[in-house]
N, C-alpha and C. Protein backbone atom coordinates (compact mmCIF):
# COMPACT_ATOMS: atom_id res chain seq x y z
N MET A 1 -13.08 -7.96 13.48
CA MET A 1 -11.82 -7.38 13.88
C MET A 1 -10.85 -7.41 12.70
N MET A 2 -10.17 -6.30 12.47
CA MET A 2 -9.23 -6.19 11.36
C MET A 2 -7.96 -6.98 11.67
N GLN A 3 -7.45 -7.68 10.65
CA GLN A 3 -6.21 -8.45 10.79
C GLN A 3 -5.06 -7.48 11.03
N THR A 4 -4.18 -7.77 11.99
CA THR A 4 -3.03 -6.94 12.29
C THR A 4 -1.77 -7.62 11.74
N PHE A 5 -0.86 -6.82 11.20
CA PHE A 5 0.35 -7.37 10.61
C PHE A 5 1.59 -6.85 11.33
N LEU A 6 2.54 -7.77 11.53
CA LEU A 6 3.81 -7.42 12.16
C LEU A 6 4.78 -6.84 11.15
N PHE A 7 4.68 -7.31 9.93
CA PHE A 7 5.67 -6.96 8.91
C PHE A 7 5.13 -7.40 7.56
N THR A 8 5.53 -6.72 6.50
CA THR A 8 5.11 -7.08 5.15
C THR A 8 6.31 -7.05 4.22
N PHE A 9 6.41 -8.11 3.41
CA PHE A 9 7.41 -8.19 2.35
C PHE A 9 6.69 -8.18 1.01
N ARG A 10 7.30 -7.55 0.03
CA ARG A 10 6.76 -7.57 -1.34
C ARG A 10 7.91 -7.81 -2.29
N GLY A 11 7.71 -8.73 -3.24
CA GLY A 11 8.77 -9.00 -4.20
C GLY A 11 8.33 -9.95 -5.30
N THR A 12 9.27 -10.26 -6.17
CA THR A 12 9.03 -11.13 -7.31
C THR A 12 9.31 -12.58 -6.90
N VAL A 13 8.46 -13.50 -7.32
CA VAL A 13 8.66 -14.92 -7.02
C VAL A 13 9.69 -15.50 -7.98
N VAL A 14 10.67 -16.19 -7.40
CA VAL A 14 11.73 -16.83 -8.17
C VAL A 14 11.81 -18.31 -7.79
N GLU A 15 12.53 -19.06 -8.60
CA GLU A 15 12.72 -20.47 -8.30
C GLU A 15 13.59 -20.62 -7.05
N GLY A 16 13.24 -21.61 -6.23
CA GLY A 16 14.04 -21.94 -5.06
C GLY A 16 14.73 -23.26 -5.27
N ASP A 17 14.93 -23.98 -4.18
CA ASP A 17 15.61 -25.28 -4.28
C ASP A 17 14.63 -26.45 -4.46
N TYR A 18 13.35 -26.16 -4.51
CA TYR A 18 12.29 -27.16 -4.71
C TYR A 18 12.14 -28.14 -3.55
N TYR A 19 12.79 -27.88 -2.43
CA TYR A 19 12.71 -28.81 -1.31
C TYR A 19 11.29 -28.87 -0.73
N GLY A 20 10.63 -27.73 -0.64
CA GLY A 20 9.24 -27.71 -0.16
C GLY A 20 8.33 -28.55 -1.04
N ARG A 21 8.52 -28.46 -2.32
CA ARG A 21 7.72 -29.25 -3.27
C ARG A 21 7.98 -30.74 -3.08
N VAL A 22 9.26 -31.10 -2.88
CA VAL A 22 9.63 -32.49 -2.66
C VAL A 22 8.92 -33.04 -1.41
N LEU A 23 8.81 -32.19 -0.38
CA LEU A 23 8.16 -32.59 0.87
C LEU A 23 6.64 -32.60 0.77
N GLY A 24 6.09 -32.02 -0.31
CA GLY A 24 4.64 -31.94 -0.46
C GLY A 24 4.06 -30.61 -0.04
N PHE A 25 4.92 -29.62 0.20
CA PHE A 25 4.50 -28.29 0.62
C PHE A 25 5.23 -27.25 -0.23
N PRO A 26 4.81 -27.05 -1.48
CA PRO A 26 5.53 -26.10 -2.34
C PRO A 26 5.50 -24.69 -1.77
N THR A 27 6.57 -23.96 -2.02
CA THR A 27 6.66 -22.60 -1.52
C THR A 27 6.96 -21.62 -2.65
N ALA A 28 6.56 -20.38 -2.43
CA ALA A 28 6.91 -19.27 -3.30
C ALA A 28 8.06 -18.54 -2.62
N ASN A 29 9.17 -18.39 -3.34
CA ASN A 29 10.36 -17.73 -2.81
C ASN A 29 10.48 -16.33 -3.39
N LEU A 30 10.70 -15.34 -2.51
CA LEU A 30 10.87 -13.98 -3.00
C LEU A 30 12.31 -13.75 -3.43
N ASP A 31 12.48 -13.05 -4.54
CA ASP A 31 13.80 -12.68 -5.05
C ASP A 31 14.42 -11.68 -4.07
N LYS A 32 15.52 -12.06 -3.47
CA LYS A 32 16.16 -11.20 -2.48
C LYS A 32 16.75 -9.93 -3.08
N LYS A 33 16.95 -9.92 -4.40
CA LYS A 33 17.53 -8.74 -5.04
C LYS A 33 16.54 -7.59 -5.13
N ASN A 34 15.25 -7.92 -5.05
CA ASN A 34 14.31 -6.81 -5.25
C ASN A 34 13.11 -6.82 -4.33
N TYR A 35 13.16 -7.52 -3.20
CA TYR A 35 12.01 -7.39 -2.32
C TYR A 35 12.15 -6.15 -1.47
N SER A 36 11.01 -5.63 -1.10
CA SER A 36 10.99 -4.47 -0.23
C SER A 36 10.24 -4.87 1.03
N ALA A 37 10.54 -4.19 2.10
CA ALA A 37 9.90 -4.52 3.37
C ALA A 37 9.44 -3.25 4.06
N GLY A 38 8.33 -3.36 4.73
CA GLY A 38 7.81 -2.24 5.52
C GLY A 38 7.80 -2.66 6.98
N GLY A 39 7.92 -1.73 7.89
CA GLY A 39 7.93 -2.06 9.31
C GLY A 39 9.34 -2.08 9.85
N SER A 40 9.53 -2.83 10.93
CA SER A 40 10.85 -2.91 11.55
C SER A 40 11.40 -4.32 11.44
N PRO A 41 12.71 -4.49 11.65
CA PRO A 41 13.30 -5.83 11.54
C PRO A 41 12.60 -6.82 12.46
N ILE A 42 12.48 -8.05 11.99
CA ILE A 42 11.80 -9.08 12.75
C ILE A 42 12.70 -10.29 12.89
N PRO A 43 12.45 -11.14 13.89
CA PRO A 43 13.27 -12.33 14.04
C PRO A 43 12.97 -13.38 12.98
N SER A 44 13.97 -14.19 12.68
CA SER A 44 13.72 -15.30 11.77
C SER A 44 12.75 -16.25 12.45
N GLY A 45 12.02 -16.99 11.64
CA GLY A 45 11.06 -17.93 12.20
C GLY A 45 9.95 -18.24 11.22
N VAL A 46 8.93 -18.91 11.74
CA VAL A 46 7.77 -19.28 10.96
C VAL A 46 6.59 -18.44 11.44
N TYR A 47 5.85 -17.89 10.48
CA TYR A 47 4.75 -16.99 10.77
C TYR A 47 3.48 -17.44 10.06
N ALA A 48 2.35 -17.14 10.67
CA ALA A 48 1.06 -17.27 10.01
C ALA A 48 0.77 -15.90 9.40
N GLY A 49 0.28 -15.90 8.17
CA GLY A 49 0.01 -14.62 7.54
C GLY A 49 -0.85 -14.75 6.31
N ILE A 50 -0.80 -13.71 5.50
CA ILE A 50 -1.60 -13.63 4.29
C ILE A 50 -0.69 -13.34 3.11
N ALA A 51 -0.91 -14.07 2.04
CA ALA A 51 -0.20 -13.82 0.78
C ALA A 51 -1.18 -13.21 -0.20
N THR A 52 -0.77 -12.14 -0.86
CA THR A 52 -1.59 -11.50 -1.88
C THR A 52 -0.85 -11.60 -3.20
N THR A 53 -1.48 -12.23 -4.19
CA THR A 53 -0.92 -12.29 -5.53
C THR A 53 -1.31 -10.98 -6.21
N LEU A 54 -0.32 -10.12 -6.45
CA LEU A 54 -0.60 -8.75 -6.89
C LEU A 54 -1.05 -8.66 -8.33
N HIS A 55 -0.80 -9.69 -9.14
CA HIS A 55 -1.25 -9.64 -10.54
C HIS A 55 -2.77 -9.81 -10.65
N ASP A 56 -3.40 -10.45 -9.63
CA ASP A 56 -4.85 -10.61 -9.68
C ASP A 56 -5.54 -10.25 -8.36
N ASN A 57 -4.77 -9.73 -7.39
CA ASN A 57 -5.29 -9.30 -6.09
C ASN A 57 -6.08 -10.37 -5.36
N ARG A 58 -5.62 -11.61 -5.44
CA ARG A 58 -6.23 -12.70 -4.67
C ARG A 58 -5.45 -12.88 -3.38
N VAL A 59 -6.14 -13.27 -2.32
CA VAL A 59 -5.51 -13.45 -1.02
C VAL A 59 -5.62 -14.91 -0.58
N TYR A 60 -4.58 -15.36 0.12
CA TYR A 60 -4.50 -16.73 0.59
C TYR A 60 -3.93 -16.73 2.01
N LYS A 61 -4.38 -17.65 2.82
CA LYS A 61 -3.70 -17.91 4.08
C LYS A 61 -2.34 -18.47 3.72
N ALA A 62 -1.33 -18.15 4.53
CA ALA A 62 0.02 -18.59 4.19
C ALA A 62 0.84 -18.89 5.43
N GLY A 63 1.64 -19.94 5.33
CA GLY A 63 2.69 -20.20 6.29
C GLY A 63 3.95 -19.58 5.70
N ILE A 64 4.55 -18.65 6.41
CA ILE A 64 5.65 -17.86 5.87
C ILE A 64 6.91 -18.10 6.70
N VAL A 65 8.00 -18.41 6.01
CA VAL A 65 9.28 -18.64 6.68
C VAL A 65 10.21 -17.47 6.39
N VAL A 66 10.70 -16.87 7.45
CA VAL A 66 11.75 -15.86 7.35
C VAL A 66 13.01 -16.55 7.87
N GLY A 67 13.91 -16.86 6.95
CA GLY A 67 15.14 -17.57 7.33
C GLY A 67 16.10 -16.66 8.06
N PRO A 68 17.15 -17.25 8.60
CA PRO A 68 18.17 -16.42 9.25
C PRO A 68 18.89 -15.55 8.21
N ILE A 69 19.54 -14.51 8.68
CA ILE A 69 20.29 -13.62 7.80
C ILE A 69 21.41 -14.43 7.13
N GLU A 70 21.50 -14.31 5.81
CA GLU A 70 22.52 -15.05 5.05
C GLU A 70 23.72 -14.15 4.76
N LYS A 71 24.68 -14.68 4.04
CA LYS A 71 25.94 -13.95 3.76
C LYS A 71 25.72 -12.61 3.10
N ASP A 72 24.64 -12.50 2.31
CA ASP A 72 24.36 -11.24 1.62
C ASP A 72 23.67 -10.21 2.51
N GLY A 73 23.45 -10.56 3.79
CA GLY A 73 22.84 -9.64 4.73
C GLY A 73 21.32 -9.65 4.72
N LEU A 74 20.73 -10.56 3.94
CA LEU A 74 19.27 -10.63 3.84
C LEU A 74 18.78 -12.03 4.20
N PRO A 75 17.56 -12.13 4.73
CA PRO A 75 17.00 -13.45 5.00
C PRO A 75 16.35 -14.05 3.75
N LYS A 76 16.25 -15.36 3.69
CA LYS A 76 15.47 -16.03 2.65
C LYS A 76 14.01 -15.95 3.10
N ILE A 77 13.14 -15.53 2.19
CA ILE A 77 11.71 -15.40 2.48
C ILE A 77 10.95 -16.35 1.56
N GLU A 78 10.16 -17.26 2.15
CA GLU A 78 9.36 -18.17 1.34
C GLU A 78 8.03 -18.41 2.03
N ALA A 79 7.02 -18.77 1.23
CA ALA A 79 5.69 -18.97 1.78
C ALA A 79 4.98 -20.13 1.11
N HIS A 80 4.26 -20.89 1.93
CA HIS A 80 3.36 -21.92 1.42
C HIS A 80 1.97 -21.32 1.45
N LEU A 81 1.38 -21.14 0.27
CA LEU A 81 0.04 -20.56 0.15
C LEU A 81 -0.99 -21.68 0.24
N LEU A 82 -1.85 -21.62 1.24
CA LEU A 82 -2.86 -22.65 1.42
C LEU A 82 -3.91 -22.53 0.33
N ASP A 83 -4.33 -23.65 -0.19
CA ASP A 83 -5.38 -23.73 -1.22
C ASP A 83 -5.01 -23.03 -2.52
N PHE A 84 -3.71 -22.94 -2.81
CA PHE A 84 -3.26 -22.36 -4.07
C PHE A 84 -2.68 -23.45 -4.96
N SER A 85 -2.99 -23.36 -6.23
CA SER A 85 -2.29 -24.18 -7.21
C SER A 85 -2.05 -23.30 -8.42
N GLY A 86 -0.89 -23.42 -9.00
CA GLY A 86 -0.56 -22.59 -10.15
C GLY A 86 0.90 -22.24 -10.15
N ASP A 87 1.25 -21.31 -11.02
CA ASP A 87 2.63 -20.89 -11.22
C ASP A 87 2.75 -19.41 -10.90
N LEU A 88 3.59 -19.08 -9.95
CA LEU A 88 3.79 -17.68 -9.57
C LEU A 88 5.14 -17.12 -10.01
N TYR A 89 5.95 -17.93 -10.69
CA TYR A 89 7.28 -17.45 -11.10
C TYR A 89 7.17 -16.16 -11.92
N GLY A 90 7.95 -15.17 -11.51
CA GLY A 90 7.97 -13.89 -12.20
C GLY A 90 6.85 -12.94 -11.79
N LYS A 91 5.95 -13.39 -10.94
CA LYS A 91 4.82 -12.55 -10.49
C LYS A 91 5.17 -11.86 -9.16
N GLU A 92 4.51 -10.75 -8.91
CA GLU A 92 4.70 -10.02 -7.65
C GLU A 92 3.81 -10.62 -6.57
N LEU A 93 4.39 -10.76 -5.38
CA LEU A 93 3.69 -11.35 -4.25
C LEU A 93 3.93 -10.49 -3.02
N GLU A 94 2.88 -10.28 -2.25
CA GLU A 94 3.00 -9.56 -0.98
C GLU A 94 2.72 -10.55 0.14
N LEU A 95 3.64 -10.62 1.11
CA LEU A 95 3.51 -11.52 2.25
C LEU A 95 3.38 -10.68 3.51
N SER A 96 2.24 -10.80 4.17
CA SER A 96 1.97 -10.04 5.38
C SER A 96 1.98 -10.98 6.58
N LEU A 97 2.96 -10.79 7.46
CA LEU A 97 3.12 -11.65 8.64
C LEU A 97 2.21 -11.16 9.75
N SER A 98 1.43 -12.07 10.30
CA SER A 98 0.47 -11.69 11.34
C SER A 98 0.81 -12.27 12.71
N VAL A 99 1.14 -13.56 12.76
CA VAL A 99 1.37 -14.23 14.05
C VAL A 99 2.68 -15.01 13.98
N TYR A 100 3.55 -14.78 14.95
CA TYR A 100 4.80 -15.54 15.06
C TYR A 100 4.44 -16.91 15.64
N LEU A 101 4.79 -17.98 14.90
CA LEU A 101 4.46 -19.33 15.35
C LEU A 101 5.60 -19.99 16.12
N ARG A 102 6.82 -19.89 15.58
CA ARG A 102 7.94 -20.58 16.22
C ARG A 102 9.25 -20.09 15.61
N PRO A 103 10.38 -20.38 16.30
CA PRO A 103 11.67 -20.01 15.73
C PRO A 103 12.03 -20.88 14.53
N TYR A 104 12.89 -20.35 13.69
CA TYR A 104 13.44 -21.12 12.57
C TYR A 104 14.41 -22.13 13.15
N ARG A 105 14.34 -23.38 12.66
CA ARG A 105 15.29 -24.37 13.14
C ARG A 105 15.45 -25.49 12.11
N HIS A 106 16.51 -26.26 12.26
CA HIS A 106 16.77 -27.42 11.41
C HIS A 106 16.20 -28.66 12.09
N PHE A 107 15.83 -29.65 11.29
CA PHE A 107 15.23 -30.87 11.81
C PHE A 107 16.10 -32.08 11.52
N ASN A 108 15.97 -33.09 12.36
CA ASN A 108 16.68 -34.36 12.17
C ASN A 108 15.79 -35.29 11.36
N GLY A 109 15.82 -35.13 10.06
CA GLY A 109 15.05 -36.00 9.18
C GLY A 109 13.80 -35.35 8.62
N GLU A 110 13.40 -35.85 7.46
CA GLU A 110 12.24 -35.30 6.76
C GLU A 110 10.92 -35.58 7.47
N ASP A 111 10.81 -36.73 8.14
CA ASP A 111 9.55 -37.05 8.82
C ASP A 111 9.24 -36.03 9.91
N ALA A 112 10.25 -35.65 10.68
CA ALA A 112 10.06 -34.65 11.73
C ALA A 112 9.71 -33.30 11.12
N LEU A 113 10.35 -32.94 10.02
CA LEU A 113 10.07 -31.68 9.35
C LEU A 113 8.65 -31.66 8.80
N LYS A 114 8.23 -32.73 8.14
CA LYS A 114 6.87 -32.81 7.59
C LYS A 114 5.83 -32.70 8.69
N ALA A 115 6.05 -33.37 9.81
CA ALA A 115 5.11 -33.30 10.93
C ALA A 115 4.99 -31.88 11.45
N GLN A 116 6.13 -31.18 11.54
CA GLN A 116 6.10 -29.79 12.03
C GLN A 116 5.39 -28.88 11.03
N ILE A 117 5.65 -29.08 9.74
CA ILE A 117 4.98 -28.26 8.73
C ILE A 117 3.47 -28.47 8.79
N LYS A 118 3.02 -29.71 8.94
CA LYS A 118 1.59 -29.98 9.07
C LYS A 118 1.01 -29.25 10.27
N SER A 119 1.73 -29.27 11.38
CA SER A 119 1.28 -28.55 12.57
C SER A 119 1.23 -27.04 12.32
N ASP A 120 2.25 -26.52 11.65
CA ASP A 120 2.28 -25.08 11.33
C ASP A 120 1.07 -24.71 10.47
N ILE A 121 0.75 -25.54 9.47
CA ILE A 121 -0.37 -25.26 8.57
C ILE A 121 -1.70 -25.28 9.34
N GLU A 122 -1.85 -26.21 10.27
CA GLU A 122 -3.06 -26.24 11.10
C GLU A 122 -3.20 -24.94 11.88
N GLN A 123 -2.09 -24.44 12.41
CA GLN A 123 -2.13 -23.18 13.14
C GLN A 123 -2.52 -22.02 12.23
N VAL A 124 -1.95 -22.00 11.03
CA VAL A 124 -2.30 -20.94 10.07
C VAL A 124 -3.81 -20.98 9.79
N GLU A 125 -4.33 -22.18 9.53
CA GLU A 125 -5.77 -22.33 9.26
C GLU A 125 -6.61 -21.75 10.38
N ASN A 126 -6.20 -22.00 11.63
CA ASN A 126 -6.98 -21.56 12.78
C ASN A 126 -6.79 -20.09 13.15
N LEU A 127 -5.64 -19.53 12.83
CA LEU A 127 -5.32 -18.17 13.27
C LEU A 127 -5.67 -17.08 12.27
N ILE A 128 -5.64 -17.39 10.99
CA ILE A 128 -5.83 -16.35 9.97
C ILE A 128 -7.28 -16.34 9.49
N ASP A 129 -7.85 -15.16 9.47
CA ASP A 129 -9.24 -14.98 9.05
C ASP A 129 -9.26 -14.08 7.81
N LEU A 130 -9.52 -14.68 6.67
CA LEU A 130 -9.56 -13.90 5.42
C LEU A 130 -10.83 -13.06 5.30
N HIS A 131 -11.84 -13.35 6.10
CA HIS A 131 -13.08 -12.59 6.02
C HIS A 131 -12.92 -11.15 6.49
N ASN A 132 -11.91 -10.91 7.31
CA ASN A 132 -11.68 -9.57 7.83
C ASN A 132 -10.48 -8.90 7.18
N TYR A 133 -10.19 -9.27 5.95
CA TYR A 133 -9.04 -8.74 5.25
C TYR A 133 -9.48 -8.24 3.87
N SER A 134 -8.94 -7.12 3.48
CA SER A 134 -9.17 -6.64 2.13
C SER A 134 -7.85 -6.22 1.53
N VAL A 135 -7.70 -6.42 0.24
CA VAL A 135 -6.46 -6.08 -0.46
C VAL A 135 -6.15 -4.61 -0.26
N GLY A 136 -4.89 -4.34 0.05
CA GLY A 136 -4.44 -2.96 0.22
C GLY A 136 -4.35 -2.52 1.67
N VAL A 137 -4.84 -3.32 2.61
CA VAL A 137 -4.83 -2.94 4.02
C VAL A 137 -3.41 -2.84 4.57
N SER A 138 -2.51 -3.72 4.12
CA SER A 138 -1.18 -3.77 4.70
C SER A 138 -0.32 -2.56 4.33
N GLY A 139 -0.56 -1.97 3.18
CA GLY A 139 0.04 -0.71 2.78
C GLY A 139 1.53 -0.57 2.87
N VAL A 140 2.29 -1.33 2.12
CA VAL A 140 3.74 -1.14 2.09
C VAL A 140 4.03 0.08 1.23
């Protein structure tokens, strides 16, 4: 069965606040000045999806956060790529959202946040099937 996507973002990876890295879950943040999106507006929240590194066309399962709309009228978009290590700063990344996991929310303490992120990653592992995905399917 072909993977279905709710929405796709494409943009350049920029430095974030490093909070994900501090927690043990580094994220790739898309530059809000130049990302493009295909599809229709979606709610903020956490999604299971696929990240494609466009410089080498590699695909990864990803936990993707679409933050609430900020003062500039755009959401913060960041993703934790499972089984990835390396540097993506300045590289183009495509994030394809497949399954809505939960709403975006703030946590009371880092332990609660880490536990939720671990749970989110387990869901991504179980829900996303890279065997039925090929680069270019999402077509932004």
